Amino acid sequence: MHKTTPESIGTVIEKLFTELGLGERYKRAKVIGAWKDIVGEQVANVSTAERIVGKKLFVHVADSVWRNELHMQKKQIIQRVNRFIGMTVIDDIKFH
């Protein structure tokens, strides 16, 4: 009998969603839920990832100063999101 290493519940859920054809939808939801982990506490305190349509992430930002700042960091934020997920889930961000 072979001993197997137990998998984390997150890994099991991700595999299940992939098998059901819902892998990309799961990864999109993961972006929304992990926004603070992806962008850090300071940015998360002034912004909220709301939804992903196609490959565009919609983010509500508290004020125009932060909206401009995040717009200037858009390329880096897109890279962080996709690196966090492990694949290209988004290719654009709309800050509003």
Protein backbone atom coordinates (compact mmCIF):
# COMPACT_ATOMS: atom_id res chain seq x y z
CA MET A 1 0.00 0.00 0.00
CA HIS A 2 1.31 3.45 -0.93
CA LYS A 3 1.17 6.31 1.49
CA THR A 4 -0.04 9.50 -0.08
CA THR A 5 0.43 13.02 1.08
CA PRO A 6 -2.91 14.64 1.88
CA GLU A 7 -3.89 17.54 -0.34
CA SER A 8 -5.13 20.85 1.01
CA ILE A 9 -8.84 21.49 0.72
CA GLY A 10 -8.08 24.42 -1.61
CA THR A 11 -6.21 22.10 -3.99
CA VAL A 12 -9.03 19.56 -3.92
CA ILE A 13 -11.65 22.26 -4.63
CA GLU A 14 -9.59 23.72 -7.46
CA LYS A 15 -9.21 20.27 -9.06
CA LEU A 16 -12.94 19.64 -8.70
CA PHE A 17 -13.87 22.94 -10.36
CA THR A 18 -11.40 22.23 -13.17
CA GLU A 19 -12.91 18.78 -13.73
CA LEU A 20 -16.36 20.37 -13.84
CA GLY A 21 -15.19 22.91 -16.42
CA LEU A 22 -15.36 25.75 -13.92
CA GLY A 23 -11.62 26.22 -13.36
CA GLU A 24 -11.36 29.68 -14.89
CA ARG A 25 -14.46 30.91 -13.05
CA TYR A 26 -12.95 29.64 -9.79
CA LYS A 27 -9.68 31.46 -10.49
CA ARG A 28 -11.55 34.68 -11.23
CA ALA A 29 -13.42 34.41 -7.93
CA LYS A 30 -10.10 33.74 -6.23
CA VAL A 31 -8.79 37.10 -7.53
CA ILE A 32 -11.73 38.95 -5.99
CA GLY A 33 -11.36 37.15 -2.66
CA ALA A 34 -7.59 37.58 -2.49
CA TRP A 35 -7.42 41.24 -3.54
CA LYS A 36 -5.76 42.29 -0.27
CA ASP A 37 -3.14 39.54 -0.56
CA ILE A 38 -2.42 40.54 -4.15
CA VAL A 39 -2.14 44.33 -3.81
CA GLY A 40 -1.33 44.75 -0.13
CA GLU A 41 -3.19 46.29 2.77
CA GLN A 42 -2.68 49.96 1.85
CA VAL A 43 -4.13 49.61 -1.65
CA ALA A 44 -6.87 47.23 -0.45
CA ASN A 45 -7.97 49.83 2.11
CA VAL A 46 -8.84 52.26 -0.71
CA SER A 47 -10.01 49.86 -3.42
CA THR A 48 -12.28 46.88 -3.95
CA ALA A 49 -12.03 44.32 -6.72
CA GLU A 50 -15.65 43.89 -7.81
CA ARG A 51 -15.85 41.58 -10.80
CA ILE A 52 -14.10 40.23 -13.86
CA VAL A 53 -15.78 40.41 -17.24
CA GLY A 54 -13.89 38.60 -19.96
CA LYS A 55 -10.32 39.35 -18.96
CA LYS A 56 -11.06 42.83 -17.56
CA LEU A 57 -11.00 43.38 -13.79
CA PHE A 58 -13.28 46.13 -12.46
CA VAL A 59 -11.98 47.86 -9.32
CA HIS A 60 -13.81 50.49 -7.29
CA VAL A 61 -11.43 53.11 -5.89
CA ALA A 62 -12.21 55.45 -2.98
CA ASP A 63 -11.12 58.70 -4.64
CA SER A 64 -9.61 60.21 -7.77
CA VAL A 65 -6.12 60.57 -6.29
CA TRP A 66 -5.90 56.84 -5.60
CA ARG A 67 -7.57 56.07 -8.94
CA ASN A 68 -4.80 57.97 -10.75
CA GLU A 69 -2.11 56.29 -8.65
CA LEU A 70 -3.47 52.81 -9.33
CA HIS A 71 -3.89 53.60 -13.02
CA MET A 72 -0.16 54.37 -13.17
CA GLN A 73 0.52 50.99 -11.50
CA LYS A 74 -1.92 49.06 -13.70
CA LYS A 75 0.69 47.00 -15.55
CA GLN A 76 2.33 45.88 -12.29
CA ILE A 77 -1.03 45.05 -10.70
CA ILE A 78 -2.03 42.94 -13.72
CA GLN A 79 1.27 41.06 -13.44
CA ARG A 80 0.74 40.49 -9.69
CA VAL A 81 -2.79 39.18 -10.23
CA ASN A 82 -1.73 36.76 -12.95
CA ARG A 83 1.34 35.62 -11.00
CA PHE A 84 -0.82 35.02 -7.91
CA ILE A 85 -3.24 32.86 -9.91
CA GLY A 86 -0.54 31.15 -11.97
CA MET A 87 -2.04 31.98 -15.35
CA THR A 88 -3.32 34.95 -17.35
CA VAL A 89 -6.74 35.64 -15.89
CA ILE A 90 -6.84 39.37 -16.62
CA ASP A 91 -5.25 41.59 -19.23
CA ASP A 92 -6.86 44.92 -18.30
CA ILE A 93 -8.16 46.77 -15.26
CA LYS A 94 -10.88 49.41 -15.17
CA PHE A 95 -10.55 51.65 -12.09
CA HIS A 96 -13.72 53.56 -11.26
